[in-house]
Amino acid sequence: MRRTLASRAPARAAASINVGALILNLALTGCSIGPDYSREAAPVPAHFKELKGWKHATPSDDIARGDWWTVYKDSALNTLLPQIEVSNQTVAAAGAAYEEARAVIREAQAALFPVATVGYTVTRTRTGPLAVGSNTSAGAGSFGGVTGGRGAIYRTTYTVPISATWDLDVWGRIRRQVESNTSGAQASAADLDNAKLAAQAQLAVAYFNLRASDSLIALLASTIVEYKKTYDIVNNQYKAGYAVTAGDVATADAQIATTEAQLANARLQRAQFEHAIAVLTGRPPAELGISPRNLAQHIPKTPVTVPSVLLERRPDIAAAERTMQEQNALIGVAEAAWFPDVSLSAVIQYIGPIPLPLNISRSIASIGASATETVFNGGLTAAQVDAARAAYWQSVANYRQTVLTAFQQVEDELAAIRYLSRQLEQEQRAVRDQRTAVDVFLNQFRAGTVAFTTVVVAEIQLLADQEAELTARQNLFLASVNLIVALGGGWDTMLLPTQVQLQRDFSLLPQLESQPSPVSTIPSDILVPPPLAPPPAAQQ
């Protein structure tokens, strides 16, 4: 009988080893439940509708990656825009969100490894004489760590439990979660780049609005000078007894007052645009001043690629596409709940009368494996699977809508640039003709052949045409910025970190500082320290 039991022991040990090896193999090479990801189709036109007469881009025409604003050849803009990535707080928040998404990947990866714990317990026990009975003396010498004589017995016990548990990823639930979190981190990286691009666009728009305000201030200031000269002519004729009434003098003075009021409002708008630029660069408005300069006359040429390339050039589209894979992987996470959870566990516990060293002869050890299957939960798993699939469908719809919106934005700005260019040509023609009319009517007024009201009407129309021309040129610059941004601002999906790169960031220690990095200062080679340099009109 003893021989039989002895012969069976190695067989049972070999069987246990084989079962353990099988479970370990399943954990490391098991299948992944759930659908594998493939990008859903999106509606992509063959060409842009509003691209008539526009230059098609060639590989050498691509906008410089990250530095799309350099096409405007504006030194102030080239200094301000790079500060978005450094000091803008919205971008900083998006950057922190990306770091959080990377940390979440490591959280999921940690579930692939076993969890080990160790403890250390010291127990001091006192046993009174009556509890011991008549065997006090005998008990005093029966166990190490026991003290006492005829009275109470004191015993010290040291316990060191070491345990480990490993939830085996047989069905790929954890791997699908890692895939989902990694795709989410890629979407967060695209969101970060999109936040940078959006903030850069906001600053560029505010900057060109500020330059338009500078041009308007200069226009109103020069107009006031002209109106004052006209006032002097009218007032002198009135005093000399010409056919000029006191009403004409009052009208000339009212023209000056009205234009000065417009000048004050233009300066207010300029100040507000400058404040917005300061905040976008991460500075209090009091710390930033920008010297005045008129708005440029022409926008740069922006080459346009075929529509299909747009899917690879916009970070918001990339973020929506990465979100699809994130939600697709969560379907596998939910479907894995249909299958049993398989885990391994091991415990070894040292018990003895001395703290150290540990003695294997005073240890208790065990190892085991378990599988748990949910047989009934009231349809909870089915509901979770349906919810995951619906979330994926939602991400698909959001992706397609993002693509459609991107094409709309490009078409809108192409149309805006084409029609605003035509409008600007006509406004410039109107300004030239109206300038001629004002000069003719003013000379006729001096000669006494036309009434002063004719001059007033012509001057008012000239100022309106000049303001309309400036507004059309301002809108043209804004449409140019919006077109570059709608085309992605030189961004490319190749700038996103790959899943392999993100999953290699696994670390057992924290990777971030407890405090954010200090905000970098903004170069001031083209900035005017507060108080602001006076605008052109104030220098008259």
Protein backbone atom coordinates (compact mmCIF):
# COMPACT_ATOMS: atom_id res chain seq x y z
CA MET A 1 0.00 0.00 0.00
CA ARG A 2 2.82 2.37 0.84
CA ARG A 3 4.58 1.47 -2.41
CA THR A 4 1.42 2.22 -4.39
CA LEU A 5 0.96 5.62 -2.77
CA ALA A 6 4.60 6.42 -3.30
CA SER A 7 4.37 5.52 -6.99
CA ARG A 8 1.28 7.70 -7.43
CA ALA A 9 2.86 10.81 -5.84
CA PRO A 10 5.21 11.63 -8.74
CA ALA A 11 2.34 11.14 -11.17
CA ARG A 12 0.12 13.57 -9.24
CA ALA A 13 2.99 16.08 -9.07
CA ALA A 14 3.58 15.79 -12.83
CA ALA A 15 -0.13 16.25 -13.48
CA SER A 16 -0.18 19.35 -11.27
CA ILE A 17 2.82 20.74 -13.13
CA ASN A 18 1.16 20.07 -16.49
CA VAL A 19 -2.07 21.78 -15.40
CA GLY A 20 -0.13 24.75 -14.10
CA ALA A 21 1.85 24.99 -17.33
CA LEU A 22 -1.39 24.81 -19.34
CA ILE A 23 -2.97 27.62 -17.33
CA LEU A 24 0.16 29.76 -17.65
CA ASN A 25 0.25 29.15 -21.40
CA LEU A 26 -3.39 30.21 -21.70
CA ALA A 27 -2.68 33.34 -19.70
CA LEU A 28 0.18 34.40 -21.94
CA THR A 29 -1.11 33.33 -25.35
CA GLY A 30 -4.87 33.22 -24.82
CA CYS A 31 -7.33 34.55 -27.33
CA SER A 32 -8.77 38.07 -27.26
CA ILE A 33 -12.54 38.13 -27.17
CA GLY A 34 -14.30 40.84 -29.16
CA PRO A 35 -14.14 42.30 -32.68
CA ASP A 36 -10.80 43.37 -34.11
CA TYR A 37 -10.71 47.01 -35.14
CA SER A 38 -10.88 48.33 -38.69
CA ARG A 39 -11.56 51.95 -39.55
CA GLU A 40 -15.13 52.67 -40.61
CA ALA A 41 -15.67 54.39 -43.95
CA ALA A 42 -16.46 58.09 -44.02
CA PRO A 43 -18.06 60.18 -46.80
CA VAL A 44 -15.14 61.68 -48.75
CA PRO A 45 -15.77 63.71 -51.94
CA ALA A 46 -13.53 63.36 -54.97
CA HIS A 47 -12.79 67.10 -55.08
CA PHE A 48 -13.62 70.35 -53.31
CA LYS A 49 -16.59 72.17 -54.80
CA GLU A 50 -15.17 75.66 -54.17
CA LEU A 51 -11.69 74.88 -55.53
CA LYS A 52 -12.27 76.49 -58.92
CA GLY A 53 -9.20 78.37 -60.03
CA TRP A 54 -7.31 77.39 -56.87
CA LYS A 55 -3.78 76.06 -56.87
CA HIS A 56 -3.51 72.34 -56.18
CA ALA A 57 -0.81 71.43 -53.70
CA THR A 58 2.29 69.47 -54.61
CA PRO A 59 4.51 67.65 -52.07
CA SER A 60 6.79 70.69 -51.85
CA ASP A 61 3.88 73.03 -51.13
CA ASP A 62 2.96 71.55 -47.75
CA ILE A 63 2.56 74.03 -44.93
CA ALA A 64 5.46 73.83 -42.49
CA ARG A 65 4.57 71.41 -39.73
CA GLY A 66 3.71 73.30 -36.59
CA ASP A 67 4.82 76.70 -37.98
CA TRP A 68 1.97 77.40 -40.38
CA TRP A 69 1.92 81.10 -39.41
CA THR A 70 5.31 81.78 -41.02
CA VAL A 71 3.62 82.14 -44.43
CA TYR A 72 2.43 85.60 -43.29
CA LYS A 73 6.04 86.77 -42.84
CA ASP A 74 5.12 88.81 -39.77
CA SER A 75 7.84 89.01 -37.11
CA ALA A 76 5.41 89.84 -34.30
CA LEU A 77 3.17 86.91 -35.21
CA ASN A 78 6.21 84.63 -35.44
CA THR A 79 7.12 85.59 -31.87
CA LEU A 80 3.66 85.30 -30.34
CA LEU A 81 2.38 82.07 -31.88
CA PRO A 82 5.10 79.73 -30.52
CA GLN A 83 4.19 80.82 -26.98
CA ILE A 84 0.85 79.02 -27.29
CA GLU A 85 2.55 75.66 -26.86
CA VAL A 86 4.58 76.93 -23.91
CA SER A 87 2.31 79.14 -21.84
CA ASN A 88 -1.33 78.77 -22.92
CA GLN A 89 -3.28 77.31 -20.01
CA THR A 90 -5.89 75.56 -22.15
CA VAL A 91 -3.07 73.76 -23.95
CA ALA A 92 -1.44 73.00 -20.58
CA ALA A 93 -4.68 71.41 -19.39
CA ALA A 94 -4.87 69.31 -22.56
CA GLY A 95 -1.25 68.27 -21.99
CA ALA A 96 -2.05 67.17 -18.45
CA ALA A 97 -5.03 65.20 -19.77
CA TYR A 98 -2.69 63.41 -22.18
CA GLU A 99 -0.31 62.52 -19.36
CA GLU A 100 -3.29 61.19 -17.41
CA ALA A 101 -4.28 59.03 -20.39
CA ARG A 102 -0.76 57.61 -20.56
CA ALA A 103 -0.88 56.78 -16.86
CA VAL A 104 -4.22 54.99 -17.36
CA ILE A 105 -2.47 52.67 -19.85
CA ARG A 106 -0.03 51.67 -17.14
CA GLU A 107 -2.93 51.10 -14.77
CA ALA A 108 -4.43 48.58 -17.20
CA GLN A 109 -1.06 46.96 -17.89
CA ALA A 110 -0.54 46.39 -14.17
CA ALA A 111 -3.45 43.91 -14.21
CA LEU A 112 -1.38 41.61 -16.45
CA PHE A 113 1.03 40.95 -13.60
CA PRO A 114 0.57 39.06 -10.33
CA VAL A 115 -0.04 40.96 -7.11
CA ALA A 116 2.29 40.07 -4.23
CA THR A 117 1.88 41.16 -0.63
CA VAL A 118 3.99 40.61 2.47
CA GLY A 119 3.18 41.23 6.09
CA TYR A 120 5.00 41.16 9.39
CA THR A 121 3.08 40.55 12.63
CA VAL A 122 4.33 40.38 16.21
CA THR A 123 1.96 38.91 18.80
CA ARG A 124 2.60 38.96 22.54
CA THR A 125 0.34 36.57 24.47
CA ARG A 126 -0.14 36.34 28.22
CA THR A 127 -1.71 33.24 29.77
CA GLY A 128 -2.69 33.50 33.44
CA PRO A 129 -1.92 30.79 36.05
CA LEU A 130 -5.48 29.60 36.44
CA ALA A 131 -5.79 29.29 32.64
CA VAL A 132 -2.69 27.15 32.51
CA GLY A 133 -3.66 24.95 35.43
CA SER A 134 -1.20 22.59 37.06
CA ASN A 135 1.05 22.30 33.98
CA THR A 136 2.54 25.79 34.30
CA SER A 137 6.06 24.63 34.89
CA ALA A 138 5.89 22.11 32.12
CA GLY A 139 4.37 24.61 29.73
CA ALA A 140 7.08 27.12 30.44
CA GLY A 141 9.67 25.01 28.76
CA SER A 142 7.59 23.45 26.03
CA PHE A 143 7.82 26.27 23.44
CA GLY A 144 10.46 28.81 22.58
CA GLY A 145 9.75 32.45 23.33
CA VAL A 146 7.84 31.54 26.52
CA THR A 147 8.70 33.35 29.74
CA GLY A 148 7.33 33.02 33.24
CA GLY A 149 7.61 30.58 36.11
CA ARG A 150 4.95 29.65 38.62
CA GLY A 151 2.83 32.64 37.56
CA ALA A 152 1.56 33.71 34.14
CA ILE A 153 3.06 32.57 30.84
CA TYR A 154 4.17 35.12 28.24
CA ARG A 155 4.65 34.05 24.67
CA THR A 156 5.92 36.08 21.63
CA THR A 157 5.07 34.88 18.12
CA TYR A 158 6.42 36.34 14.88
CA THR A 159 4.40 35.79 11.72
CA VAL A 160 5.51 36.69 8.18
CA PRO A 161 2.81 35.91 5.56
CA ILE A 162 3.77 36.24 1.87
CA SER A 163 0.98 35.84 -0.68
CA ALA A 164 0.54 36.28 -4.42
CA THR A 165 -2.49 36.23 -6.70
CA TRP A 166 -2.55 36.30 -10.49
CA ASP A 167 -5.70 36.91 -12.51
CA LEU A 168 -4.88 35.17 -15.78
CA ASP A 169 -5.95 37.06 -18.91
CA VAL A 170 -7.15 33.90 -20.66
CA TRP A 171 -9.89 35.61 -22.70
CA GLY A 172 -8.06 38.87 -23.43
CA ARG A 173 -10.18 41.13 -21.23
CA ILE A 174 -7.15 42.97 -19.85
CA ARG A 175 -5.45 43.15 -23.23
CA ARG A 176 -8.59 44.67 -24.74
CA GLN A 177 -8.63 47.19 -21.89
CA VAL A 178 -5.00 48.06 -22.61
CA GLU A 179 -5.87 48.45 -26.30
CA SER A 180 -8.78 50.72 -25.40
CA ASN A 181 -6.72 52.85 -23.05
CA THR A 182 -3.90 53.11 -25.57
CA SER A 183 -6.30 54.27 -28.28
CA GLY A 184 -7.75 56.71 -25.77
CA ALA A 185 -4.25 58.07 -25.12
CA GLN A 186 -3.74 58.51 -28.86
CA ALA A 187 -7.05 60.38 -29.02
CA SER A 188 -5.87 62.52 -26.10
CA ALA A 189 -2.62 63.27 -27.96
CA ALA A 190 -4.66 64.36 -30.98
CA ASP A 191 -6.87 66.46 -28.69
CA LEU A 192 -3.72 68.12 -27.36
CA ASP A 193 -2.56 68.97 -30.87
CA ASN A 194 -6.06 70.18 -31.72
CA ALA A 195 -6.06 72.41 -28.62
CA LYS A 196 -2.74 73.89 -29.74
CA LEU A 197 -4.06 74.50 -33.26
CA ALA A 198 -7.30 76.04 -31.98
CA ALA A 199 -5.46 78.36 -29.57
CA GLN A 200 -3.01 79.35 -32.31
CA ALA A 201 -5.94 80.14 -34.60
CA GLN A 202 -7.60 82.23 -31.88
CA LEU A 203 -4.41 84.20 -31.37
CA ALA A 204 -3.87 84.71 -35.10
CA VAL A 205 -7.45 85.92 -35.50
CA ALA A 206 -7.05 88.30 -32.55
CA TYR A 207 -3.74 89.50 -33.97
CA PHE A 208 -5.13 90.34 -37.41
CA ASN A 209 -8.15 91.97 -35.78
CA LEU A 210 -5.68 94.08 -33.79
CA ARG A 211 -3.83 95.03 -36.97
CA ALA A 212 -7.14 95.93 -38.58
CA SER A 213 -7.85 98.14 -35.58
CA ASP A 214 -4.46 99.79 -36.07
CA SER A 215 -5.37 100.48 -39.69
CA LEU A 216 -8.78 101.82 -38.67
CA ILE A 217 -7.21 104.08 -36.05
CA ALA A 218 -4.78 105.43 -38.65
CA LEU A 219 -7.65 105.91 -41.14
CA LEU A 220 -9.83 107.76 -38.64
CA ALA A 221 -6.92 109.89 -37.47
CA SER A 222 -6.08 110.99 -41.02
CA THR A 223 -9.78 111.57 -41.71
CA ILE A 224 -10.03 113.83 -38.68
CA VAL A 225 -7.08 115.83 -40.00
CA GLU A 226 -8.87 116.23 -43.35
CA TYR A 227 -12.14 117.16 -41.63
CA LYS A 228 -10.37 119.82 -39.59
CA LYS A 229 -8.95 121.33 -42.77
CA THR A 230 -12.46 121.33 -44.26
CA TYR A 231 -13.77 122.95 -41.08
CA ASP A 232 -11.21 125.72 -41.36
CA ILE A 233 -12.25 126.36 -44.96
CA VAL A 234 -15.96 126.47 -44.06
CA ASN A 235 -15.39 128.64 -40.99
CA ASN A 236 -13.18 131.12 -42.89
CA GLN A 237 -15.74 131.39 -45.68
CA TYR A 238 -18.47 131.96 -43.11
CA LYS A 239 -16.49 134.71 -41.41
CA ALA A 240 -15.71 136.28 -44.79
CA GLY A 241 -19.39 136.50 -45.64
CA TYR A 242 -19.52 133.88 -48.36
CA ALA A 243 -22.69 131.89 -49.03
CA VAL A 244 -21.98 129.65 -46.07
CA THR A 245 -24.30 129.44 -43.10
CA ALA A 246 -23.71 128.78 -39.44
CA GLY A 247 -25.35 125.40 -40.03
CA ASP A 248 -22.56 124.47 -42.44
CA VAL A 249 -19.98 125.34 -39.80
CA ALA A 250 -21.84 123.23 -37.23
CA THR A 251 -22.06 120.34 -39.69
CA ALA A 252 -18.30 120.45 -40.30
CA ASP A 253 -17.67 120.44 -36.57
CA ALA A 254 -20.13 117.56 -36.06
CA GLN A 255 -18.19 115.53 -38.64
CA ILE A 256 -15.07 115.91 -36.54
CA ALA A 257 -16.86 114.94 -33.32
CA THR A 258 -18.47 111.88 -34.89
CA THR A 259 -15.17 110.65 -36.30
CA GLU A 260 -13.38 111.24 -32.98
CA ALA A 261 -16.05 109.11 -31.28
CA GLN A 262 -15.41 106.34 -33.80
CA LEU A 263 -11.69 106.69 -33.08
CA ALA A 264 -12.26 106.17 -29.36
CA ASN A 265 -14.27 103.02 -30.07
CA ALA A 266 -11.54 101.71 -32.40
CA ARG A 267 -8.96 102.19 -29.65
CA LEU A 268 -11.21 100.28 -27.25
CA GLN A 269 -11.43 97.36 -29.67
CA ARG A 270 -7.66 97.37 -30.12
CA ALA A 271 -7.13 97.24 -26.37
CA GLN A 272 -9.51 94.29 -26.06
CA PHE A 273 -7.77 92.38 -28.85
CA GLU A 274 -4.43 92.99 -27.17
CA HIS A 275 -5.82 91.72 -23.86
CA ALA A 276 -7.05 88.57 -25.60
CA ILE A 277 -3.60 87.98 -27.12
CA ALA A 278 -1.97 88.35 -23.70
CA VAL A 279 -4.29 85.77 -22.12
CA LEU A 280 -3.79 83.35 -25.01
CA THR A 281 -0.04 83.53 -24.45
CA GLY A 282 -0.49 82.85 -20.74
CA ARG A 283 0.17 86.38 -19.52
CA PRO A 284 -1.86 88.95 -17.60
CA PRO A 285 -2.92 91.77 -19.96
CA ALA A 286 -0.85 94.27 -17.98
CA GLU A 287 2.36 92.48 -18.98
CA LEU A 288 1.96 92.64 -22.74
CA GLY A 289 2.05 95.52 -25.17
CA ILE A 290 2.20 95.25 -28.96
CA SER A 291 3.48 98.11 -31.08
CA PRO A 292 1.00 99.42 -33.69
CA ARG A 293 1.29 98.45 -37.33
CA ASN A 294 -1.19 98.57 -40.19
CA LEU A 295 -2.77 95.45 -41.64
CA ALA A 296 -0.92 94.00 -44.62
CA GLN A 297 -2.39 94.38 -48.09
CA HIS A 298 -2.30 90.78 -49.34
CA ILE A 299 -2.81 87.29 -47.91
CA PRO A 300 -0.41 84.44 -48.71
CA LYS A 301 -1.31 81.73 -51.20
CA THR A 302 -2.50 78.53 -49.50
CA PRO A 303 -2.17 75.31 -51.54
CA VAL A 304 -5.01 72.83 -51.12
CA THR A 305 -4.68 69.05 -51.34
CA VAL A 306 -7.26 66.48 -52.44
CA PRO A 307 -10.08 65.85 -49.94
CA SER A 308 -8.95 62.35 -48.99
CA VAL A 309 -5.70 63.72 -47.57
CA LEU A 310 -7.70 65.80 -45.10
CA LEU A 311 -8.45 62.66 -43.07
CA GLU A 312 -4.74 62.42 -42.23
CA ARG A 313 -4.15 66.15 -41.69
CA ARG A 314 -6.65 67.20 -39.01
CA PRO A 315 -6.11 66.30 -35.35
CA ASP A 316 -9.83 66.42 -34.55
CA ILE A 317 -10.50 63.76 -37.21
CA ALA A 318 -7.63 61.67 -35.85
CA ALA A 319 -9.02 61.98 -32.32
CA ALA A 320 -12.47 60.85 -33.49
CA GLU A 321 -10.94 57.89 -35.36
CA ARG A 322 -8.88 56.83 -32.34
CA THR A 323 -12.00 57.04 -30.20
CA MET A 324 -13.62 54.47 -32.50
CA GLN A 325 -10.88 51.95 -31.71
CA GLU A 326 -11.12 52.83 -28.03
CA GLN A 327 -14.82 52.00 -27.98
CA ASN A 328 -14.39 48.95 -30.22
CA ALA A 329 -11.93 47.40 -27.75
CA LEU A 330 -14.39 47.96 -24.90
CA ILE A 331 -16.80 45.61 -26.65
CA GLY A 332 -14.26 42.85 -26.09
CA VAL A 333 -13.92 43.86 -22.45
CA ALA A 334 -17.68 43.53 -21.99
CA GLU A 335 -17.93 40.23 -23.92
CA ALA A 336 -15.16 38.67 -21.82
CA ALA A 337 -17.61 38.63 -18.91
CA TRP A 338 -19.35 35.69 -20.61
CA PHE A 339 -16.35 33.49 -19.79
CA PRO A 340 -14.95 32.29 -16.45
CA ASP A 341 -12.27 34.18 -14.51
CA VAL A 342 -9.18 32.04 -14.03
CA SER A 343 -6.67 32.90 -11.32
CA LEU A 344 -3.68 31.45 -9.48
CA SER A 345 -2.82 32.01 -5.84
CA ALA A 346 0.09 31.10 -3.56
CA VAL A 347 0.75 31.67 0.14
CA ILE A 348 3.74 30.98 2.33
CA GLN A 349 3.67 31.95 5.98
CA TYR A 350 6.55 31.83 8.44
CA ILE A 351 5.71 31.43 12.17
CA GLY A 352 8.32 31.38 14.87
CA PRO A 353 9.49 32.64 18.27
CA ILE A 354 12.30 34.81 16.85
CA PRO A 355 12.03 37.75 14.45
CA LEU A 356 14.88 36.78 12.10
CA PRO A 357 16.15 34.78 10.31
CA LEU A 358 13.13 33.07 8.80
CA ASN A 359 13.22 29.30 9.03
CA ILE A 360 11.65 27.21 6.29
CA SER A 361 10.94 24.46 8.79
CA ARG A 362 8.48 26.82 10.53
CA SER A 363 6.57 27.74 7.37
CA ILE A 364 3.19 26.86 5.94
CA ALA A 365 2.75 27.06 2.15
CA SER A 366 -0.07 26.53 -0.31
CA ILE A 367 -0.74 27.06 -4.01
CA GLY A 368 -3.99 26.85 -5.88
CA ALA A 369 -5.94 27.70 -9.01
CA SER A 370 -9.54 28.75 -9.38
CA ALA A 371 -12.08 29.46 -12.07
CA THR A 372 -15.25 31.42 -11.43
CA GLU A 373 -18.15 31.60 -13.86
CA THR A 374 -21.22 33.79 -13.45
CA VAL A 375 -24.21 31.62 -14.27
CA PHE A 376 -26.92 34.22 -13.66
CA ASN A 377 -26.89 37.96 -13.10
CA GLY A 378 -30.27 39.03 -14.40
CA GLY A 379 -29.04 39.99 -17.89
CA LEU A 380 -26.37 42.39 -16.60
CA THR A 381 -23.66 41.07 -18.91
CA ALA A 382 -25.91 41.23 -21.96
CA ALA A 383 -26.85 44.82 -21.13
CA GLN A 384 -23.19 45.78 -20.72
CA VAL A 385 -22.33 44.24 -24.09
CA ASP A 386 -25.18 46.14 -25.78
CA ALA A 387 -24.09 49.36 -24.09
CA ALA A 388 -20.52 48.88 -25.36
CA ARG A 389 -21.75 48.22 -28.90
CA ALA A 390 -24.00 51.29 -28.82
CA ALA A 391 -21.09 53.41 -27.56
CA TYR A 392 -19.06 52.19 -30.52
CA TRP A 393 -21.86 53.10 -32.95
CA GLN A 394 -21.97 56.53 -31.37
CA SER A 395 -18.22 56.97 -31.92
CA VAL A 396 -18.65 55.97 -35.58
CA ALA A 397 -21.37 58.58 -36.07
CA ASN A 398 -19.24 61.21 -34.32
CA TYR A 399 -16.28 60.34 -36.55
CA ARG A 400 -18.32 60.70 -39.72
CA GLN A 401 -19.83 63.97 -38.52
CA THR A 402 -16.35 65.30 -37.71
CA VAL A 403 -15.24 64.44 -41.25
CA LEU A 404 -18.29 66.14 -42.77
CA THR A 405 -17.75 69.25 -40.64
CA ALA A 406 -14.11 69.37 -41.72
CA PHE A 407 -15.07 69.34 -45.40
CA GLN A 408 -17.69 72.03 -44.77
CA GLN A 409 -15.11 74.27 -43.07
CA VAL A 410 -12.69 73.94 -45.97
CA GLU A 411 -15.42 74.65 -48.52
CA ASP A 412 -16.65 77.64 -46.50
CA GLU A 413 -13.21 79.23 -46.31
CA LEU A 414 -12.42 78.56 -49.98
CA ALA A 415 -15.65 80.29 -50.93
CA ALA A 416 -14.98 83.10 -48.45
CA ILE A 417 -11.53 83.82 -49.89
CA ARG A 418 -12.79 83.80 -53.48
CA TYR A 419 -15.74 86.12 -52.88
CA LEU A 420 -13.97 88.38 -50.39
CA SER A 421 -11.18 88.86 -52.94
CA ARG A 422 -13.75 90.03 -55.46
CA GLN A 423 -15.38 92.24 -52.86
CA LEU A 424 -12.04 93.78 -51.95
CA GLU A 425 -11.32 94.64 -55.58
CA GLN A 426 -14.65 96.46 -55.89
CA GLU A 427 -14.23 98.24 -52.55
CA GLN A 428 -10.81 99.49 -53.60
CA ARG A 429 -12.32 100.72 -56.86
CA ALA A 430 -15.08 102.50 -54.92
CA VAL A 431 -12.50 104.19 -52.67
CA ARG A 432 -10.54 105.46 -55.66
CA ASP A 433 -13.64 106.83 -57.36
CA GLN A 434 -15.02 108.38 -54.19
CA ARG A 435 -11.66 110.00 -53.40
CA THR A 436 -11.79 111.64 -56.82
CA ALA A 437 -15.37 112.79 -56.14
CA VAL A 438 -14.42 114.36 -52.80
CA ASP A 439 -11.51 116.24 -54.35
CA VAL A 440 -13.73 117.55 -57.18
CA PHE A 441 -16.58 118.60 -54.89
CA LEU A 442 -14.20 120.28 -52.43
CA ASN A 443 -12.65 122.34 -55.21
CA GLN A 444 -16.12 123.25 -56.51
CA PHE A 445 -17.14 124.28 -52.97
CA ARG A 446 -14.11 126.55 -52.72
CA ALA A 447 -15.16 128.06 -56.02
CA GLY A 448 -18.68 128.51 -54.73
CA THR A 449 -20.35 126.32 -57.36
CA VAL A 450 -21.74 123.61 -55.02
CA ALA A 451 -23.21 123.67 -51.55
CA PHE A 452 -21.27 122.38 -48.57
CA THR A 453 -23.77 119.56 -48.09
CA THR A 454 -22.49 118.02 -51.33
CA VAL A 455 -18.98 117.89 -49.84
CA VAL A 456 -20.27 116.44 -46.58
CA VAL A 457 -22.18 113.67 -48.30
CA ALA A 458 -19.14 112.79 -50.44
CA GLU A 459 -16.77 112.76 -47.45
CA ILE A 460 -19.13 110.55 -45.42
CA GLN A 461 -19.38 108.13 -48.34
CA LEU A 462 -15.59 108.11 -48.76
CA LEU A 463 -15.06 107.17 -45.12
CA ALA A 464 -17.71 104.46 -45.38
CA ASP A 465 -16.03 103.03 -48.49
CA GLN A 466 -12.61 103.11 -46.82
CA GLU A 467 -13.98 101.31 -43.76
CA ALA A 468 -15.72 98.74 -46.00
CA GLU A 469 -12.45 98.16 -47.87
CA LEU A 470 -10.60 97.65 -44.58
CA THR A 471 -13.31 95.28 -43.31
CA ALA A 472 -13.13 93.19 -46.50
CA ARG A 473 -9.33 92.98 -46.19
CA GLN A 474 -9.65 92.07 -42.50
CA ASN A 475 -12.17 89.32 -43.27
CA LEU A 476 -9.88 88.05 -46.02
CA PHE A 477 -7.05 87.58 -43.52
CA LEU A 478 -9.37 85.84 -41.08
CA ALA A 479 -10.60 83.51 -43.83
CA SER A 480 -6.98 82.76 -44.73
CA VAL A 481 -6.22 81.77 -41.13
CA ASN A 482 -9.37 79.67 -40.92
CA LEU A 483 -8.54 77.90 -44.18
CA ILE A 484 -5.04 76.95 -42.99
CA VAL A 485 -6.52 75.67 -39.74
CA ALA A 486 -9.30 73.81 -41.58
CA LEU A 487 -6.60 72.07 -43.63
CA GLY A 488 -4.87 70.99 -40.41
CA GLY A 489 -2.18 73.63 -40.07
CA GLY A 490 0.51 71.30 -41.41
CA TRP A 491 -0.39 68.57 -38.90
CA ASP A 492 -0.14 64.89 -39.84
CA THR A 493 -1.22 61.64 -38.19
CA MET A 494 2.41 60.54 -38.25
CA LEU A 495 2.94 62.95 -35.36
CA LEU A 496 0.78 60.78 -33.10
CA PRO A 497 2.55 58.28 -30.83
CA THR A 498 2.02 54.68 -31.89
CA GLN A 499 0.40 52.08 -29.67
CA VAL A 500 3.73 50.29 -29.32
CA GLN A 501 5.42 53.48 -28.15
CA LEU A 502 2.72 54.19 -25.60
CA GLN A 503 2.69 50.64 -24.23
CA ARG A 504 6.45 50.70 -23.78
CA ASP A 505 6.10 53.49 -21.23
CA PHE A 506 5.34 50.94 -18.51
CA SER A 507 7.06 51.83 -15.24
CA LEU A 508 6.88 50.76 -11.62
CA LEU A 509 7.58 54.28 -10.36
CA PRO A 510 5.79 57.64 -10.87
CA GLN A 511 6.96 59.50 -13.96
CA LEU A 512 5.58 62.99 -13.27
CA GLU A 513 6.54 65.69 -10.82
CA SER A 514 4.12 66.67 -8.08
CA GLN A 515 4.07 70.25 -9.38
CA PRO A 516 3.69 71.48 -12.97
CA SER A 517 6.67 73.06 -14.70
CA PRO A 518 7.01 76.85 -14.42
CA VAL A 519 5.63 78.99 -17.23
CA SER A 520 8.29 80.17 -19.64
CA THR A 521 8.66 83.85 -20.35
CA ILE A 522 7.73 85.38 -23.69
CA PRO A 523 10.47 86.98 -25.80
CA SER A 524 10.09 90.74 -25.92
CA ASP A 525 12.13 91.75 -28.96
CA ILE A 526 9.04 93.07 -30.75
CA LEU A 527 6.86 93.75 -27.71
CA VAL A 528 6.42 97.17 -26.17
CA PRO A 529 6.41 97.13 -22.34
CA PRO A 530 3.30 98.71 -20.79
CA PRO A 531 2.16 101.40 -20.99
CA LEU A 532 1.46 100.90 -24.67
CA ALA A 533 3.17 102.94 -27.28
CA PRO A 534 0.59 105.43 -28.54
CA PRO A 535 -1.30 104.39 -31.67
CA PRO A 536 -0.63 106.26 -34.91
CA ALA A 537 -3.53 108.66 -34.36
CA ALA A 538 -2.18 109.82 -31.00
CA GLN A 539 1.13 110.81 -32.60
CA GLN A 540 -0.46 113.39 -34.84
